[in-house]
Amino acid sequence: MSVETLGWGPLLIVTIMAVVTLATRWGGVFVMSFVPIGQRVRQFIAAMSGSVLVALLAPLAMQGDGGARLALATTAVVMLVLKKPLPAIAAGILAAAAFRQL
């Protein structure tokens, strides 16, 4: 399946992604309402953000260009220093944008 990237295509893609994200978030809240929150569950939830970040960035290390690899390295360094995923992701995006702008 392919979606045209001109005209309404990008809006359709973003809308579908937003609906899937919303359904996933609501579904997660619904499922977690049946799970007692103990120490092990808290540790699992805390580890999830890092594992998702690695799952998204690992393929870039193998197949990405210089900008992607710089973004990966920047994200890893900022994550190790700050231990917060959102600033690390933002720094990686900025590094890739700066590399590609040059």
PDB file of N, CA and C in Angstrom:
ATOM      1  N   MET A   1       0.841  -1.178   0.000  1.00  0.00           N
ATOM      2  CA  MET A   1       0.000   0.000   0.000  1.00  0.00           C
ATOM      3  C   MET A   1       0.889   1.244   0.000  1.00  0.00           C
ATOM      4  N   SER A   2       0.531   2.226  -0.797  1.00  0.00           N
ATOM      5  CA  SER A   2       1.272   3.476  -0.774  1.00  0.00           C
ATOM      6  C   SER A   2       0.279   4.631  -0.744  1.00  0.00           C
ATOM      7  N   VAL A   3       0.698   5.695  -0.099  1.00  0.00           N
ATOM      8  CA  VAL A   3      -0.128   6.888   0.011  1.00  0.00           C
ATOM      9  C   VAL A   3       0.616   8.014  -0.675  1.00  0.00           C
ATOM     10  N   GLU A   4      -0.089   8.743  -1.501  1.00  0.00           N
ATOM     11  CA  GLU A   4       0.512   9.877  -2.208  1.00  0.00           C
ATOM     12  C   GLU A   4       0.974  10.919  -1.187  1.00  0.00           C
ATOM     13  N   THR A   5       2.176  11.437  -1.359  1.00  0.00           N
ATOM     14  CA  THR A   5       2.705  12.418  -0.415  1.00  0.00           C
ATOM     15  C   THR A   5       2.447  13.853  -0.857  1.00  0.00           C
ATOM     16  N   LEU A   6       1.609  14.022  -1.813  1.00  0.00           N
ATOM     17  CA  LEU A   6       1.179  15.355  -2.234  1.00  0.00           C
ATOM     18  C   LEU A   6      -0.313  15.479  -1.971  1.00  0.00           C
ATOM     19  N   GLY A   7      -0.793  16.689  -1.837  1.00  0.00           N
ATOM     20  CA  GLY A   7      -2.226  16.897  -1.618  1.00  0.00           C
ATOM     21  C   GLY A   7      -2.641  16.474  -0.221  1.00  0.00           C
ATOM     22  N   TRP A   8      -3.639  15.588  -0.152  1.00  0.00           N
ATOM     23  CA  TRP A   8      -4.214  15.150   1.114  1.00  0.00           C
ATOM     24  C   TRP A   8      -3.440  13.988   1.749  1.00  0.00           C
ATOM     25  N   GLY A   9      -2.465  13.428   1.064  1.00  0.00           N
ATOM     26  CA  GLY A   9      -1.730  12.276   1.567  1.00  0.00           C
ATOM     27  C   GLY A   9      -1.099  12.478   2.932  1.00  0.00           C
ATOM     28  N   PRO A  10      -0.302  13.546   3.124  1.00  0.00           N
ATOM     29  CA  PRO A  10       0.313  13.757   4.442  1.00  0.00           C
ATOM     30  C   PRO A  10      -0.712  13.938   5.561  1.00  0.00           C
ATOM     31  N   LEU A  11      -1.798  14.640   5.274  1.00  0.00           N
ATOM     32  CA  LEU A  11      -2.836  14.826   6.283  1.00  0.00           C
ATOM     33  C   LEU A  11      -3.464  13.485   6.650  1.00  0.00           C
ATOM     34  N   LEU A  12      -3.689  12.635   5.663  1.00  0.00           N
ATOM     35  CA  LEU A  12      -4.238  11.303   5.916  1.00  0.00           C
ATOM     36  C   LEU A  12      -3.284  10.483   6.782  1.00  0.00           C
ATOM     37  N   ILE A  13      -2.004  10.527   6.476  1.00  0.00           N
ATOM     38  CA  ILE A  13      -1.012   9.778   7.245  1.00  0.00           C
ATOM     39  C   ILE A  13      -0.970  10.262   8.690  1.00  0.00           C
ATOM     40  N   VAL A  14      -0.926  11.563   8.890  1.00  0.00           N
ATOM     41  CA  VAL A  14      -0.869  12.118  10.240  1.00  0.00           C
ATOM     42  C   VAL A  14      -2.148  11.789  11.010  1.00  0.00           C
ATOM     43  N   THR A  15      -3.289  11.851  10.359  1.00  0.00           N
ATOM     44  CA  THR A  15      -4.559  11.532  11.011  1.00  0.00           C
ATOM     45  C   THR A  15      -4.596  10.076  11.453  1.00  0.00           C
ATOM     46  N   ILE A  16      -4.172   9.177  10.581  1.00  0.00           N
ATOM     47  CA  ILE A  16      -4.145   7.756  10.941  1.00  0.00           C
ATOM     48  C   ILE A  16      -3.193   7.521  12.106  1.00  0.00           C
ATOM     49  N   MET A  17      -2.026   8.153  12.069  1.00  0.00           N
ATOM     50  CA  MET A  17      -1.065   7.996  13.163  1.00  0.00           C
ATOM     51  C   MET A  17      -1.636   8.543  14.475  1.00  0.00           C
ATOM     52  N   ALA A  18      -2.342   9.657  14.414  1.00  0.00           N
ATOM     53  CA  ALA A  18      -2.936  10.232  15.620  1.00  0.00           C
ATOM     54  C   ALA A  18      -4.010   9.314  16.191  1.00  0.00           C
ATOM     55  N   VAL A  19      -4.838   8.744  15.344  1.00  0.00           N
ATOM     56  CA  VAL A  19      -5.892   7.832  15.807  1.00  0.00           C
ATOM     57  C   VAL A  19      -5.284   6.584  16.434  1.00  0.00           C
ATOM     58  N   VAL A  20      -4.266   6.025  15.800  1.00  0.00           N
ATOM     59  CA  VAL A  20      -3.608   4.827  16.356  1.00  0.00           C
ATOM     60  C   VAL A  20      -2.947   5.158  17.692  1.00  0.00           C
ATOM     61  N   THR A  21      -2.283   6.304  17.782  1.00  0.00           N
ATOM     62  CA  THR A  21      -1.648   6.707  19.035  1.00  0.00           C
ATOM     63  C   THR A  21      -2.680   6.887  20.135  1.00  0.00           C
ATOM     64  N   LEU A  22      -3.767   7.557  19.823  1.00  0.00           N
ATOM     65  CA  LEU A  22      -4.829   7.775  20.803  1.00  0.00           C
ATOM     66  C   LEU A  22      -5.435   6.452  21.257  1.00  0.00           C
ATOM     67  N   ALA A  23      -5.712   5.551  20.319  1.00  0.00           N
ATOM     68  CA  ALA A  23      -6.274   4.239  20.668  1.00  0.00           C
ATOM     69  C   ALA A  23      -5.311   3.442  21.537  1.00  0.00           C
ATOM     70  N   THR A  24      -4.022   3.528  21.235  1.00  0.00           N
ATOM     71  CA  THR A  24      -3.022   2.817  22.023  1.00  0.00           C
ATOM     72  C   THR A  24      -2.965   3.367  23.446  1.00  0.00           C
ATOM     73  N   ARG A  25      -2.980   4.680  23.563  1.00  0.00           N
ATOM     74  CA  ARG A  25      -2.914   5.291  24.899  1.00  0.00           C
ATOM     75  C   ARG A  25      -4.154   4.962  25.714  1.00  0.00           C
ATOM     76  N   TRP A  26      -5.318   5.117  25.124  1.00  0.00           N
ATOM     77  CA  TRP A  26      -6.557   4.795  25.843  1.00  0.00           C
ATOM     78  C   TRP A  26      -6.631   3.309  26.165  1.00  0.00           C
ATOM     79  N   GLY A  27      -6.208   2.489  25.218  1.00  0.00           N
ATOM     80  CA  GLY A  27      -6.200   1.049  25.464  1.00  0.00           C
ATOM     81  C   GLY A  27      -5.260   0.680  26.596  1.00  0.00           C
ATOM     82  N   GLY A  28      -4.092   1.332  26.643  1.00  0.00           N
ATOM     83  CA  GLY A  28      -3.151   1.079  27.728  1.00  0.00           C
ATOM     84  C   GLY A  28      -3.715   1.463  29.081  1.00  0.00           C
ATOM     85  N   VAL A  29      -4.389   2.594  29.146  1.00  0.00           N
ATOM     86  CA  VAL A  29      -5.009   3.026  30.402  1.00  0.00           C
ATOM     87  C   VAL A  29      -6.091   2.028  30.807  1.00  0.00           C
ATOM     88  N   PHE A  30      -6.868   1.567  29.835  1.00  0.00           N
ATOM     89  CA  PHE A  30      -7.931   0.610  30.126  1.00  0.00           C
ATOM     90  C   PHE A  30      -7.357  -0.705  30.650  1.00  0.00           C
ATOM     91  N   VAL A  31      -6.353  -1.226  29.975  1.00  0.00           N
ATOM     92  CA  VAL A  31      -5.749  -2.495  30.400  1.00  0.00           C
ATOM     93  C   VAL A  31      -5.086  -2.342  31.766  1.00  0.00           C
ATOM     94  N   MET A  32      -4.363  -1.233  31.967  1.00  0.00           N
ATOM     95  CA  MET A  32      -3.665  -1.031  33.241  1.00  0.00           C
ATOM     96  C   MET A  32      -4.628  -0.802  34.408  1.00  0.00           C
ATOM     97  N   SER A  33      -5.875  -0.481  34.124  1.00  0.00           N
ATOM     98  CA  SER A  33      -6.837  -0.334  35.218  1.00  0.00           C
ATOM     99  C   SER A  33      -7.125  -1.674  35.890  1.00  0.00           C
ATOM    100  N   PHE A  34      -6.778  -2.778  35.228  1.00  0.00           N
ATOM    101  CA  PHE A  34      -6.973  -4.116  35.800  1.00  0.00           C
ATOM    102  C   PHE A  34      -5.704  -4.677  36.441  1.00  0.00           C
ATOM    103  N   VAL A  35      -4.599  -3.954  36.361  1.00  0.00           N
ATOM    104  CA  VAL A  35      -3.315  -4.448  36.868  1.00  0.00           C
ATOM    105  C   VAL A  35      -2.971  -3.719  38.164  1.00  0.00           C
ATOM    106  N   PRO A  36      -2.732  -4.477  39.237  1.00  0.00           N
ATOM    107  CA  PRO A  36      -2.296  -3.808  40.478  1.00  0.00           C
ATOM    108  C   PRO A  36      -0.882  -3.250  40.303  1.00  0.00           C
ATOM    109  N   ILE A  37      -0.683  -2.009  40.717  1.00  0.00           N
ATOM    110  CA  ILE A  37       0.599  -1.333  40.533  1.00  0.00           C
ATOM    111  C   ILE A  37       1.485  -1.615  41.738  1.00  0.00           C
ATOM    112  N   GLY A  38       2.394  -2.572  41.575  1.00  0.00           N
ATOM    113  CA  GLY A  38       3.361  -2.914  42.618  1.00  0.00           C
ATOM    114  C   GLY A  38       4.735  -2.408  42.218  1.00  0.00           C
ATOM    115  N   GLN A  39       5.732  -2.801  42.990  1.00  0.00           N
ATOM    116  CA  GLN A  39       7.098  -2.352  42.728  1.00  0.00           C
ATOM    117  C   GLN A  39       7.610  -2.856  41.385  1.00  0.00           C
ATOM    118  N   ARG A  40       7.333  -4.124  41.035  1.00  0.00           N
ATOM    119  CA  ARG A  40       7.814  -4.676  39.763  1.00  0.00           C
ATOM    120  C   ARG A  40       7.173  -3.973  38.572  1.00  0.00           C
ATOM    121  N   VAL A  41       5.891  -3.653  38.686  1.00  0.00           N
ATOM    122  CA  VAL A  41       5.198  -2.954  37.600  1.00  0.00           C
ATOM    123  C   VAL A  41       5.766  -1.549  37.440  1.00  0.00           C
ATOM    124  N   ARG A  42       6.046  -0.878  38.533  1.00  0.00           N
ATOM    125  CA  ARG A  42       6.659   0.460  38.475  1.00  0.00           C
ATOM    126  C   ARG A  42       8.020   0.413  37.780  1.00  0.00           C
ATOM    127  N   GLN A  43       8.826  -0.595  38.116  1.00  0.00           N
ATOM    128  CA  GLN A  43      10.137  -0.727  37.477  1.00  0.00           C
ATOM    129  C   GLN A  43       9.991  -1.008  35.982  1.00  0.00           C
ATOM    130  N   PHE A  44       9.025  -1.835  35.627  1.00  0.00           N
ATOM    131  CA  PHE A  44       8.775  -2.144  34.216  1.00  0.00           C
ATOM    132  C   PHE A  44       8.389  -0.883  33.450  1.00  0.00           C
ATOM    133  N   ILE A  45       7.489  -0.102  34.012  1.00  0.00           N
ATOM    134  CA  ILE A  45       7.038   1.126  33.352  1.00  0.00           C
ATOM    135  C   ILE A  45       8.199   2.113  33.212  1.00  0.00           C
ATOM    136  N   ALA A  46       9.037   2.213  34.237  1.00  0.00           N
ATOM    137  CA  ALA A  46      10.182   3.126  34.179  1.00  0.00           C
ATOM    138  C   ALA A  46      11.173   2.699  33.098  1.00  0.00           C
ATOM    139  N   ALA A  47      11.316   1.405  32.874  1.00  0.00           N
ATOM    140  CA  ALA A  47      12.266   0.912  31.873  1.00  0.00           C
ATOM    141  C   ALA A  47      11.712   0.984  30.452  1.00  0.00           C
ATOM    142  N   MET A  48      10.424   1.129  30.304  1.00  0.00           N
ATOM    143  CA  MET A  48       9.795   1.114  28.978  1.00  0.00           C
ATOM    144  C   MET A  48      10.274   2.254  28.081  1.00  0.00           C
ATOM    145  N   SER A  49      10.362   3.457  28.603  1.00  0.00           N
ATOM    146  CA  SER A  49      10.719   4.593  27.743  1.00  0.00           C
ATOM    147  C   SER A  49      12.099   4.410  27.129  1.00  0.00           C
ATOM    148  N   GLY A  50      13.040   3.932  27.905  1.00  0.00           N
ATOM    149  CA  GLY A  50      14.378   3.696  27.371  1.00  0.00           C
ATOM    150  C   GLY A  50      14.401   2.610  26.317  1.00  0.00           C
ATOM    151  N   SER A  51      13.644   1.547  26.542  1.00  0.00           N
ATOM    152  CA  SER A  51      13.640   0.450  25.572  1.00  0.00           C
ATOM    153  C   SER A  51      12.961   0.860  24.275  1.00  0.00           C
ATOM    154  N   VAL A  52      11.933   1.675  24.364  1.00  0.00           N
ATOM    155  CA  VAL A  52      11.274   2.172  23.150  1.00  0.00           C
ATOM    156  C   VAL A  52      12.230   3.072  22.379  1.00  0.00           C
ATOM    157  N   LEU A  53      12.955   3.907  23.083  1.00  0.00           N
ATOM    158  CA  LEU A  53      13.934   4.786  22.445  1.00  0.00           C
ATOM    159  C   LEU A  53      15.007   3.987  21.716  1.00  0.00           C
ATOM    160  N   VAL A  54      15.516   2.952  22.349  1.00  0.00           N
ATOM    161  CA  VAL A  54      16.527   2.110  21.714  1.00  0.00           C
ATOM    162  C   VAL A  54      15.945   1.385  20.505  1.00  0.00           C
ATOM    163  N   ALA A  55      14.715   0.887  20.626  1.00  0.00           N
ATOM    164  CA  ALA A  55      14.082   0.176  19.506  1.00  0.00           C
ATOM    165  C   ALA A  55      13.882   1.083  18.297  1.00  0.00           C
ATOM    166  N   LEU A  56      13.649   2.347  18.532  1.00  0.00           N
ATOM    167  CA  LEU A  56      13.472   3.283  17.418  1.00  0.00           C
ATOM    168  C   LEU A  56      14.799   3.685  16.779  1.00  0.00           C
ATOM    169  N   LEU A  57      15.837   3.802  17.581  1.00  0.00           N
ATOM    170  CA  LEU A  57      17.094   4.329  17.073  1.00  0.00           C
ATOM    171  C   LEU A  57      18.094   3.268  16.611  1.00  0.00           C
ATOM    172  N   ALA A  58      17.970   2.049  17.086  1.00  0.00           N
ATOM    173  CA  ALA A  58      18.931   1.009  16.712  1.00  0.00           C
ATOM    174  C   ALA A  58      18.990   0.754  15.205  1.00  0.00           C
ATOM    175  N   PRO A  59      17.873   0.686  14.489  1.00  0.00           N
ATOM    176  CA  PRO A  59      17.971   0.488  13.036  1.00  0.00           C
ATOM    177  C   PRO A  59      18.728   1.609  12.328  1.00  0.00           C
ATOM    178  N   LEU A  60      18.679   2.811  12.875  1.00  0.00           N
ATOM    179  CA  LEU A  60      19.409   3.922  12.265  1.00  0.00           C
ATOM    180  C   LEU A  60      20.913   3.721  12.339  1.00  0.00           C
ATOM    181  N   ALA A  61      21.352   3.059  13.390  1.00  0.00           N
ATOM    182  CA  ALA A  61      22.787   2.808  13.521  1.00  0.00           C
ATOM    183  C   ALA A  61      23.286   1.888  12.414  1.00  0.00           C
ATOM    184  N   MET A  62      22.432   1.014  11.932  1.00  0.00           N
ATOM    185  CA  MET A  62      22.829   0.054  10.904  1.00  0.00           C
ATOM    186  C   MET A  62      22.615   0.593   9.489  1.00  0.00           C
ATOM    187  N   GLN A  63      21.535   1.325   9.259  1.00  0.00           N
ATOM    188  CA  GLN A  63      21.168   1.696   7.896  1.00  0.00           C
ATOM    189  C   GLN A  63      21.131   3.196   7.646  1.00  0.00           C
ATOM    190  N   GLY A  64      21.333   4.001   8.671  1.00  0.00           N
ATOM    191  CA  GLY A  64      21.186   5.441   8.517  1.00  0.00           C
ATOM    192  C   GLY A  64      22.394   6.119   7.897  1.00  0.00           C
ATOM    193  N   ASP A  65      22.189   7.362   7.507  1.00  0.00           N
ATOM    194  CA  ASP A  65      23.276   8.173   6.949  1.00  0.00           C
ATOM    195  C   ASP A  65      24.027   8.863   8.086  1.00  0.00           C
ATOM    196  N   GLY A  66      24.900   9.799   7.750  1.00  0.00           N
ATOM    197  CA  GLY A  66      25.683  10.501   8.759  1.00  0.00           C
ATOM    198  C   GLY A  66      24.837  11.291   9.737  1.00  0.00           C
ATOM    199  N   GLY A  67      23.775  11.904   9.240  1.00  0.00           N
ATOM    200  CA  GLY A  67      22.881  12.660  10.113  1.00  0.00           C
ATOM    201  C   GLY A  67      22.178  11.763  11.114  1.00  0.00           C
ATOM    202  N   ALA A  68      21.774  10.594  10.648  1.00  0.00           N
ATOM    203  CA  ALA A  68      21.107   9.646  11.542  1.00  0.00           C
ATOM    204  C   ALA A  68      22.066   9.130  12.608  1.00  0.00           C
ATOM    205  N   ARG A  69      23.278   8.843  12.199  1.00  0.00           N
ATOM    206  CA  ARG A  69      24.262   8.351  13.174  1.00  0.00           C
ATOM    207  C   ARG A  69      24.647   9.434  14.179  1.00  0.00           C
ATOM    208  N   LEU A  70      24.760  10.682  13.718  1.00  0.00           N
ATOM    209  CA  LEU A  70      25.041  11.778  14.640  1.00  0.00           C
ATOM    210  C   LEU A  70      23.881  11.951  15.620  1.00  0.00           C
ATOM    211  N   ALA A  71      22.651  11.831  15.119  1.00  0.00           N
ATOM    212  CA  ALA A  71      21.478  11.928  15.990  1.00  0.00           C
ATOM    213  C   ALA A  71      21.495  10.817  17.036  1.00  0.00           C
ATOM    214  N   LEU A  72      21.850   9.618  16.623  1.00  0.00           N
ATOM    215  CA  LEU A  72      21.919   8.493  17.553  1.00  0.00           C
ATOM    216  C   LEU A  72      22.968   8.743  18.631  1.00  0.00           C
ATOM    217  N   ALA A  73      24.149   9.187  18.224  1.00  0.00           N
ATOM    218  CA  ALA A  73      25.221   9.440  19.192  1.00  0.00           C
ATOM    219  C   ALA A  73      24.841  10.568  20.149  1.00  0.00           C
ATOM    220  N   THR A  74      24.265  11.628  19.603  1.00  0.00           N
ATOM    221  CA  THR A  74      23.851  12.760  20.439  1.00  0.00           C
ATOM    222  C   THR A  74      22.786  12.331  21.433  1.00  0.00           C
ATOM    223  N   THR A  75      21.812  11.563  20.953  1.00  0.00           N
ATOM    224  CA  THR A  75      20.751  11.085  21.831  1.00  0.00           C
ATOM    225  C   THR A  75      21.316  10.223  22.947  1.00  0.00           C
ATOM    226  N   ALA A  76      22.246   9.344  22.610  1.00  0.00           N
ATOM    227  CA  ALA A  76      22.839   8.466  23.623  1.00  0.00           C
ATOM    228  C   ALA A  76      23.596   9.270  24.682  1.00  0.00           C
ATOM    229  N   VAL A  77      24.380  10.242  24.242  1.00  0.00           N
ATOM    230  CA  VAL A  77      25.169  11.040  25.189  1.00  0.00           C
ATOM    231  C   VAL A  77      24.253  11.853  26.100  1.00  0.00           C
ATOM    232  N   VAL A  78      23.263  12.517  25.516  1.00  0.00           N
ATOM    233  CA  VAL A  78      22.355  13.340  26.332  1.00  0.00           C
ATOM    234  C   VAL A  78      21.559  12.457  27.289  1.00  0.00           C
ATOM    235  N   MET A  79      21.166  11.272  26.833  1.00  0.00           N
ATOM    236  CA  MET A  79      20.428  10.353  27.701  1.00  0.00           C
ATOM    237  C   MET A  79      21.293   9.900  28.877  1.00  0.00           C
ATOM    238  N   LEU A  80      22.563   9.615  28.611  1.00  0.00           N
ATOM    239  CA  LEU A  80      23.460   9.203  29.688  1.00  0.00           C
ATOM    240  C   LEU A  80      23.713  10.331  30.690  1.00  0.00           C
ATOM    241  N   VAL A  81      23.786  11.560  30.186  1.00  0.00           N
ATOM    242  CA  VAL A  81      24.069  12.698  31.067  1.00  0.00           C
ATOM    243  C   VAL A  81      22.832  13.115  31.862  1.00  0.00           C
ATOM    244  N   LEU A  82      21.707  13.309  31.170  1.00  0.00           N
ATOM    245  CA  LEU A  82      20.504  13.831  31.822  1.00  0.00           C
ATOM    246  C   LEU A  82      19.571  12.754  32.361  1.00  0.00           C
ATOM    247  N   LYS A  83      19.650  11.554  31.791  1.00  0.00           N
ATOM    248  CA  LYS A  83      18.783  10.438  32.165  1.00  0.00           C
ATOM    249  C   LYS A  83      17.302  10.765  31.973  1.00  0.00           C
ATOM    250  N   LYS A  84      17.015  11.544  30.945  1.00  0.00           N
ATOM    251  CA  LYS A  84      15.637  11.899  30.600  1.00  0.00           C
ATOM    252  C   LYS A  84      15.474  11.747  29.092  1.00  0.00           C
ATOM    253  N   PRO A  85      14.477  10.981  28.638  1.00  0.00           N
ATOM    254  CA  PRO A  85      14.364  10.701  27.211  1.00  0.00           C
ATOM    255  C   PRO A  85      13.948  11.892  26.350  1.00  0.00           C
ATOM    256  N   LEU A  86      13.071  12.750  26.835  1.00  0.00           N
ATOM    257  CA  LEU A  86      12.581  13.838  25.993  1.00  0.00           C
ATOM    258  C   LEU A  86      13.683  14.817  25.580  1.00  0.00           C
ATOM    259  N   PRO A  87      14.515  15.303  26.492  1.00  0.00           N
ATOM    260  CA  PRO A  87      15.622  16.165  26.046  1.00  0.00           C
ATOM    261  C   PRO A  87      16.600  15.428  25.135  1.00  0.00           C
ATOM    262  N   ALA A  88      16.794  14.135  25.373  1.00  0.00           N
ATOM    263  CA  ALA A  88      17.702  13.360  24.526  1.00  0.00           C
ATOM    264  C   ALA A  88      17.166  13.269  23.105  1.00  0.00           C
ATOM    265  N   ILE A  89      15.881  13.018  22.976  1.00  0.00           N
ATOM    266  CA  ILE A  89      15.266  12.945  21.639  1.00  0.00           C
ATOM    267  C   ILE A  89      15.363  14.297  20.946  1.00  0.00           C
ATOM    268  N   ALA A  90      15.061  15.362  21.683  1.00  0.00           N
ATOM    269  CA  ALA A  90      15.124  16.710  21.101  1.00  0.00           C
ATOM    270  C   ALA A  90      16.550  17.029  20.638  1.00  0.00           C
ATOM    271  N   ALA A  91      17.530  16.671  21.430  1.00  0.00           N
ATOM    272  CA  ALA A  91      18.917  16.932  21.044  1.00  0.00           C
ATOM    273  C   ALA A  91      19.299  16.135  19.806  1.00  0.00           C
ATOM    274  N   GLY A  92      18.847  14.901  19.714  1.00  0.00           N
ATOM    275  CA  GLY A  92      19.115  14.084  18.533  1.00  0.00           C
ATOM    276  C   GLY A  92      18.494  14.667  17.281  1.00  0.00           C
ATOM    277  N   ILE A  93      17.269  15.144  17.399  1.00  0.00           N
ATOM    278  CA  ILE A  93      16.592  15.771  16.249  1.00  0.00           C
ATOM    279  C   ILE A  93      17.344  17.028  15.818  1.00  0.00           C
ATOM    280  N   LEU A  94      17.741  17.839  16.776  1.00  0.00           N
ATOM    281  CA  LEU A  94      18.480  19.061  16.450  1.00  0.00           C
ATOM    282  C   LEU A  94      19.830  18.744  15.804  1.00  0.00           C
ATOM    283  N   ALA A  95      20.501  17.702  16.302  1.00  0.00           N
ATOM    284  CA  ALA A  95      21.799  17.323  15.716  1.00  0.00           C
ATOM    285  C   ALA A  95      21.629  16.868  14.273  1.00  0.00           C
ATOM    286  N   ALA A  96      20.611  16.066  14.005  1.00  0.00           N
ATOM    287  CA  ALA A  96      20.368  15.602  12.627  1.00  0.00           C
ATOM    288  C   ALA A  96      20.018  16.770  11.722  1.00  0.00           C
ATOM    289  N   ALA A  97      19.194  17.686  12.232  1.00  0.00           N
ATOM    290  CA  ALA A  97      18.812  18.849  11.422  1.00  0.00           C
ATOM    291  C   ALA A  97      20.022  19.724  11.108  1.00  0.00           C
ATOM    292  N   ALA A  98      20.873  19.952  12.107  1.00  0.00           N
ATOM    293  CA  ALA A  98      22.070  20.764  11.887  1.00  0.00           C
ATOM    294  C   ALA A  98      23.018  20.091  10.898  1.00  0.00           C
ATOM    295  N   PHE A  99      23.192  18.775  11.013  1.00  0.00           N
ATOM    296  CA  PHE A  99      24.067  18.045  10.090  1.00  0.00           C
ATOM    297  C   PHE A  99      23.554  18.141   8.656  1.00  0.00           C
ATOM    298  N   ARG A 100      22.260  17.998   8.491  1.00  0.00           N
ATOM    299  CA  ARG A 100      21.681  18.009   7.144  1.00  0.00           C
ATOM    300  C   ARG A 100      21.599  19.413   6.571  1.00  0.00           C
ATOM    301  N   GLN A 101      21.608  20.426   7.431  1.00  0.00           N
ATOM    302  CA  GLN A 101      21.572  21.803   6.960  1.00  0.00           C
ATOM    303  C   GLN A 101      22.925  22.220   6.404  1.00  0.00           C
ATOM    304  N   LEU A 102      23.993  21.621   6.916  1.00  0.00           N
ATOM    305  CA  LEU A 102      25.349  21.990   6.473  1.00  0.00           C
ATOM    306  C   LEU A 102      25.672  21.467   5.131  1.00  0.00           C
TER     307      LEU A 102
END
